[in-house]
Amino acid sequence: MSTNTSPTDSPSNEPSPSEQSSTPPGPALLAERSLLGIFVHFLAIVPLWGVLVAGLVYRFSSHEFTRANARNAFNWQLLVTGSIAATFLGVFGLSALVDRVALPGSIETLVFLPVLAVVILMFALTGLNFIFPFVAMGKAIFGSAWNYLFVPDFLRLVATRTRFGQKYSNN
């Protein structure tokens, strides 16, 4: 007689099909949160690219958590990208204007003060752009869509003032 047992002879430690739970595999958190809703903040961290990515995720996502986070990321990246565009437009536009039109020194200084303020704002927003998306991503991991500080809701503004927003506001 042989005392060796084969793997088919030993009892299984797995629960029988009647003992298995009916919950779907994977974390239960993904039922209420999506990974795209969490990582949209990180994917949108590059200013111009971020507006495109967050806008596309917002437009084509049907998951409410993902849409809320994409909306917040889009609004933030639109502010950052807008400040960068305003800075370049102000610096190079006013520089070209002052080169063509001779202005007294004091008026030239007054013209460049708002540009200096926009440059400082752009540097501040660019620095915060490396902090705020990670804070928002951390909040999204724990289940809340964090509204970025100091950011108006550009999408709601467009939705309430245009025919485009009225068409899609019922979704």
C-alpha atoms as a PDB file:
ATOM      1  CA  MET A   1       0.000   0.000   0.000  1.00  0.00           C
ATOM      2  CA  SER A   2       1.110   3.447  -0.744  1.00  0.00           C
ATOM      3  CA  THR A   3       0.920   6.261   1.786  1.00  0.00           C
ATOM      4  CA  ASN A   4       1.550   8.966  -0.789  1.00  0.00           C
ATOM      5  CA  THR A   5      -1.475  11.121  -1.441  1.00  0.00           C
ATOM      6  CA  SER A   6      -2.021  13.028  -4.642  1.00  0.00           C
ATOM      7  CA  PRO A   7      -3.263  16.599  -4.733  1.00  0.00           C
ATOM      8  CA  THR A   8      -6.625  15.365  -5.945  1.00  0.00           C
ATOM      9  CA  ASP A   9      -7.031  13.126  -2.902  1.00  0.00           C
ATOM     10  CA  SER A  10      -6.569  15.883  -0.320  1.00  0.00           C
ATOM     11  CA  PRO A  11      -9.517  18.026   0.712  1.00  0.00           C
ATOM     12  CA  SER A  12      -9.558  21.543  -0.714  1.00  0.00           C
ATOM     13  CA  ASN A  13      -9.314  24.637   1.461  1.00  0.00           C
ATOM     14  CA  GLU A  14     -11.312  26.685  -1.035  1.00  0.00           C
ATOM     15  CA  PRO A  15     -14.930  27.392  -0.226  1.00  0.00           C
ATOM     16  CA  SER A  16     -17.508  25.569  -2.259  1.00  0.00           C
ATOM     17  CA  PRO A  17     -19.465  27.548  -4.850  1.00  0.00           C
ATOM     18  CA  SER A  18     -22.396  27.760  -2.452  1.00  0.00           C
ATOM     19  CA  GLU A  19     -20.140  29.270   0.245  1.00  0.00           C
ATOM     20  CA  GLN A  20     -18.607  31.952  -2.023  1.00  0.00           C
ATOM     21  CA  SER A  21     -20.008  35.434  -1.614  1.00  0.00           C
ATOM     22  CA  SER A  22     -21.871  37.098  -4.437  1.00  0.00           C
ATOM     23  CA  THR A  23     -19.770  40.301  -4.335  1.00  0.00           C
ATOM     24  CA  PRO A  24     -17.871  41.122  -7.503  1.00  0.00           C
ATOM     25  CA  PRO A  25     -14.096  40.700  -7.422  1.00  0.00           C
ATOM     26  CA  GLY A  26     -11.931  43.714  -6.757  1.00  0.00           C
ATOM     27  CA  PRO A  27     -12.130  46.442  -4.180  1.00  0.00           C
ATOM     28  CA  ALA A  28     -15.585  47.657  -3.296  1.00  0.00           C
ATOM     29  CA  LEU A  29     -14.289  51.228  -3.407  1.00  0.00           C
ATOM     30  CA  LEU A  30     -14.083  51.104  -7.208  1.00  0.00           C
ATOM     31  CA  ALA A  31     -17.864  50.777  -7.335  1.00  0.00           C
ATOM     32  CA  GLU A  32     -18.203  54.299  -5.959  1.00  0.00           C
ATOM     33  CA  ARG A  33     -14.829  55.701  -7.147  1.00  0.00           C
ATOM     34  CA  SER A  34     -12.953  55.111 -10.345  1.00  0.00           C
ATOM     35  CA  LEU A  35      -9.214  55.041 -10.867  1.00  0.00           C
ATOM     36  CA  LEU A  36      -9.557  57.591 -13.652  1.00  0.00           C
ATOM     37  CA  GLY A  37     -11.384  59.876 -11.221  1.00  0.00           C
ATOM     38  CA  ILE A  38      -8.430  59.600  -8.861  1.00  0.00           C
ATOM     39  CA  PHE A  39      -5.606  59.891 -11.388  1.00  0.00           C
ATOM     40  CA  VAL A  40      -7.132  62.610 -13.590  1.00  0.00           C
ATOM     41  CA  HIS A  41      -5.420  65.177 -11.357  1.00  0.00           C
ATOM     42  CA  PHE A  42      -2.010  63.609 -11.948  1.00  0.00           C
ATOM     43  CA  LEU A  43      -2.640  63.120 -15.692  1.00  0.00           C
ATOM     44  CA  ALA A  44      -3.566  66.787 -16.011  1.00  0.00           C
ATOM     45  CA  ILE A  45      -0.540  68.240 -14.212  1.00  0.00           C
ATOM     46  CA  VAL A  46       1.104  69.658 -17.370  1.00  0.00           C
ATOM     47  CA  PRO A  47      -0.638  72.986 -18.121  1.00  0.00           C
ATOM     48  CA  LEU A  48      -1.803  72.853 -21.780  1.00  0.00           C
ATOM     49  CA  TRP A  49      -1.964  69.055 -21.838  1.00  0.00           C
ATOM     50  CA  GLY A  50      -3.935  69.143 -18.584  1.00  0.00           C
ATOM     51  CA  VAL A  51      -6.746  71.226 -20.031  1.00  0.00           C
ATOM     52  CA  LEU A  52      -7.108  68.764 -22.907  1.00  0.00           C
ATOM     53  CA  VAL A  53      -6.930  65.620 -20.763  1.00  0.00           C
ATOM     54  CA  ALA A  54      -9.265  66.845 -18.041  1.00  0.00           C
ATOM     55  CA  GLY A  55     -11.693  68.243 -20.616  1.00  0.00           C
ATOM     56  CA  LEU A  56     -11.825  64.958 -22.526  1.00  0.00           C
ATOM     57  CA  VAL A  57     -12.258  62.921 -19.354  1.00  0.00           C
ATOM     58  CA  TYR A  58     -15.044  65.234 -18.227  1.00  0.00           C
ATOM     59  CA  ARG A  59     -16.784  65.103 -21.595  1.00  0.00           C
ATOM     60  CA  PHE A  60     -16.660  61.344 -22.162  1.00  0.00           C
ATOM     61  CA  SER A  61     -16.930  59.916 -18.658  1.00  0.00           C
ATOM     62  CA  SER A  62     -20.252  58.657 -17.382  1.00  0.00           C
ATOM     63  CA  HIS A  63     -19.069  58.005 -13.814  1.00  0.00           C
ATOM     64  CA  GLU A  64     -20.174  60.891 -11.572  1.00  0.00           C
ATOM     65  CA  PHE A  65     -17.068  60.698  -9.326  1.00  0.00           C
ATOM     66  CA  THR A  66     -14.782  60.848 -12.363  1.00  0.00           C
ATOM     67  CA  ARG A  67     -16.716  63.775 -13.864  1.00  0.00           C
ATOM     68  CA  ALA A  68     -16.548  65.757 -10.610  1.00  0.00           C
ATOM     69  CA  ASN A  69     -12.780  65.278 -10.308  1.00  0.00           C
ATOM     70  CA  ALA A  70     -12.193  65.967 -14.017  1.00  0.00           C
ATOM     71  CA  ARG A  71     -14.261  69.156 -13.691  1.00  0.00           C
ATOM     72  CA  ASN A  72     -12.112  70.379 -10.802  1.00  0.00           C
ATOM     73  CA  ALA A  73      -8.876  69.465 -12.601  1.00  0.00           C
ATOM     74  CA  PHE A  74     -10.098  71.170 -15.788  1.00  0.00           C
ATOM     75  CA  ASN A  75     -10.981  74.382 -13.960  1.00  0.00           C
ATOM     76  CA  TRP A  76      -7.598  74.454 -12.234  1.00  0.00           C
ATOM     77  CA  GLN A  77      -5.598  73.724 -15.370  1.00  0.00           C
ATOM     78  CA  LEU A  78      -7.583  76.304 -17.327  1.00  0.00           C
ATOM     79  CA  LEU A  79      -6.602  78.917 -14.728  1.00  0.00           C
ATOM     80  CA  VAL A  80      -2.924  77.891 -14.825  1.00  0.00           C
ATOM     81  CA  THR A  81      -2.800  77.711 -18.624  1.00  0.00           C
ATOM     82  CA  GLY A  82      -4.621  81.038 -18.900  1.00  0.00           C
ATOM     83  CA  SER A  83      -2.138  82.711 -16.579  1.00  0.00           C
ATOM     84  CA  ILE A  84       0.781  81.373 -18.619  1.00  0.00           C
ATOM     85  CA  ALA A  85      -0.813  82.577 -21.865  1.00  0.00           C
ATOM     86  CA  ALA A  86      -1.572  85.999 -20.348  1.00  0.00           C
ATOM     87  CA  THR A  87       2.008  86.265 -19.135  1.00  0.00           C
ATOM     88  CA  PHE A  88       3.516  85.522 -22.529  1.00  0.00           C
ATOM     89  CA  LEU A  89       1.025  87.768 -24.271  1.00  0.00           C
ATOM     90  CA  GLY A  90       1.675  90.593 -21.820  1.00  0.00           C
ATOM     91  CA  VAL A  91       5.444  90.329 -21.788  1.00  0.00           C
ATOM     92  CA  PHE A  92       5.992  89.892 -25.512  1.00  0.00           C
ATOM     93  CA  GLY A  93       3.033  92.022 -26.627  1.00  0.00           C
ATOM     94  CA  LEU A  94       3.863  95.030 -24.477  1.00  0.00           C
ATOM     95  CA  SER A  95       7.539  94.651 -25.204  1.00  0.00           C
ATOM     96  CA  ALA A  96       6.835  94.818 -28.946  1.00  0.00           C
ATOM     97  CA  LEU A  97       4.483  97.757 -28.414  1.00  0.00           C
ATOM     98  CA  VAL A  98       7.001  99.717 -26.350  1.00  0.00           C
ATOM     99  CA  ASP A  99       9.699  99.036 -28.960  1.00  0.00           C
ATOM    100  CA  ARG A 100       7.502 100.586 -31.660  1.00  0.00           C
ATOM    101  CA  VAL A 101       6.002 103.453 -29.636  1.00  0.00           C
ATOM    102  CA  ALA A 102       8.265 105.757 -27.668  1.00  0.00           C
ATOM    103  CA  LEU A 103       6.786 106.226 -24.191  1.00  0.00           C
ATOM    104  CA  PRO A 104       8.206 108.273 -21.327  1.00  0.00           C
ATOM    105  CA  GLY A 105       9.904 106.183 -18.652  1.00  0.00           C
ATOM    106  CA  SER A 106       7.235 106.690 -15.993  1.00  0.00           C
ATOM    107  CA  ILE A 107       4.400 105.656 -18.337  1.00  0.00           C
ATOM    108  CA  GLU A 108       6.386 102.673 -19.519  1.00  0.00           C
ATOM    109  CA  THR A 109       6.789 101.619 -15.889  1.00  0.00           C
ATOM    110  CA  LEU A 110       3.044 101.993 -15.282  1.00  0.00           C
ATOM    111  CA  VAL A 111       2.315  99.892 -18.368  1.00  0.00           C
ATOM    112  CA  PHE A 112       4.582  97.078 -17.193  1.00  0.00           C
ATOM    113  CA  LEU A 113       3.303  96.948 -13.571  1.00  0.00           C
ATOM    114  CA  PRO A 114       0.232  94.848 -14.476  1.00  0.00           C
ATOM    115  CA  VAL A 115       2.481  92.587 -16.539  1.00  0.00           C
ATOM    116  CA  LEU A 116       4.767  92.167 -13.530  1.00  0.00           C
ATOM    117  CA  ALA A 117       1.739  91.233 -11.408  1.00  0.00           C
ATOM    118  CA  VAL A 118       0.666  88.618 -13.986  1.00  0.00           C
ATOM    119  CA  VAL A 119       4.207  87.203 -14.093  1.00  0.00           C
ATOM    120  CA  ILE A 120       4.256  86.858 -10.297  1.00  0.00           C
ATOM    121  CA  LEU A 121       0.801  85.249 -10.387  1.00  0.00           C
ATOM    122  CA  MET A 122       1.947  82.825 -13.079  1.00  0.00           C
ATOM    123  CA  PHE A 123       4.963  81.742 -11.035  1.00  0.00           C
ATOM    124  CA  ALA A 124       2.790  81.284  -7.948  1.00  0.00           C
ATOM    125  CA  LEU A 125       0.213  79.229  -9.852  1.00  0.00           C
ATOM    126  CA  THR A 126       2.920  77.166 -11.513  1.00  0.00           C
ATOM    127  CA  GLY A 127       4.386  76.369  -8.098  1.00  0.00           C
ATOM    128  CA  LEU A 128       0.963  75.481  -6.725  1.00  0.00           C
ATOM    129  CA  ASN A 129       0.413  73.299  -9.791  1.00  0.00           C
ATOM    130  CA  PHE A 130       2.930  70.868  -8.343  1.00  0.00           C
ATOM    131  CA  ILE A 131       1.109  70.766  -4.983  1.00  0.00           C
ATOM    132  CA  PHE A 132      -2.639  71.116  -5.576  1.00  0.00           C
ATOM    133  CA  PRO A 133      -3.093  68.149  -7.968  1.00  0.00           C
ATOM    134  CA  PHE A 134      -1.500  65.817  -5.425  1.00  0.00           C
ATOM    135  CA  VAL A 135      -3.758  67.167  -2.676  1.00  0.00           C
ATOM    136  CA  ALA A 136      -6.771  66.668  -4.953  1.00  0.00           C
ATOM    137  CA  MET A 137      -5.605  63.162  -5.831  1.00  0.00           C
ATOM    138  CA  GLY A 138      -5.236  62.325  -2.140  1.00  0.00           C
ATOM    139  CA  LYS A 139      -8.748  63.636  -1.446  1.00  0.00           C
ATOM    140  CA  ALA A 140     -10.060  61.586  -4.374  1.00  0.00           C
ATOM    141  CA  ILE A 141      -8.468  58.441  -2.952  1.00  0.00           C
ATOM    142  CA  PHE A 142     -10.498  58.978   0.204  1.00  0.00           C
ATOM    143  CA  GLY A 143     -13.673  59.605  -1.779  1.00  0.00           C
ATOM    144  CA  SER A 144     -14.182  63.345  -2.138  1.00  0.00           C
ATOM    145  CA  ALA A 145     -13.819  65.628  -5.135  1.00  0.00           C
ATOM    146  CA  TRP A 146     -11.695  68.510  -3.846  1.00  0.00           C
ATOM    147  CA  ASN A 147     -12.378  71.952  -5.282  1.00  0.00           C
ATOM    148  CA  TYR A 148      -9.083  73.717  -5.915  1.00  0.00           C
ATOM    149  CA  LEU A 149      -8.624  76.899  -3.913  1.00  0.00           C
ATOM    150  CA  PHE A 150      -9.276  80.279  -5.583  1.00  0.00           C
ATOM    151  CA  VAL A 151     -10.638  78.681  -8.782  1.00  0.00           C
ATOM    152  CA  PRO A 152     -13.946  79.733 -10.337  1.00  0.00           C
ATOM    153  CA  ASP A 153     -16.098  77.033 -11.921  1.00  0.00           C
ATOM    154  CA  PHE A 154     -15.478  77.857 -15.582  1.00  0.00           C
ATOM    155  CA  LEU A 155     -17.590  74.952 -16.818  1.00  0.00           C
ATOM    156  CA  ARG A 156     -20.625  76.087 -14.852  1.00  0.00           C
ATOM    157  CA  LEU A 157     -20.089  79.631 -16.126  1.00  0.00           C
ATOM    158  CA  VAL A 158     -20.079  78.390 -19.722  1.00  0.00           C
ATOM    159  CA  ALA A 159     -23.020  76.058 -19.095  1.00  0.00           C
ATOM    160  CA  THR A 160     -25.236  78.796 -17.673  1.00  0.00           C
ATOM    161  CA  ARG A 161     -24.403  81.439 -20.274  1.00  0.00           C
ATOM    162  CA  THR A 162     -24.474  79.520 -23.548  1.00  0.00           C
ATOM    163  CA  ARG A 163     -26.841  77.402 -25.565  1.00  0.00           C
ATOM    164  CA  PHE A 164     -24.221  74.603 -25.411  1.00  0.00           C
ATOM    165  CA  GLY A 165     -24.625  74.425 -21.643  1.00  0.00           C
ATOM    166  CA  GLN A 166     -28.413  74.274 -21.873  1.00  0.00           C
ATOM    167  CA  LYS A 167     -28.217  71.346 -24.252  1.00  0.00           C
ATOM    168  CA  TYR A 168     -26.035  69.275 -21.926  1.00  0.00           C
ATOM    169  CA  SER A 169     -27.110  70.525 -18.507  1.00  0.00           C
ATOM    170  CA  ASN A 170     -29.947  67.957 -18.307  1.00  0.00           C
ATOM    171  CA  ASN A 171     -27.536  64.983 -18.462  1.00  0.00           C
END
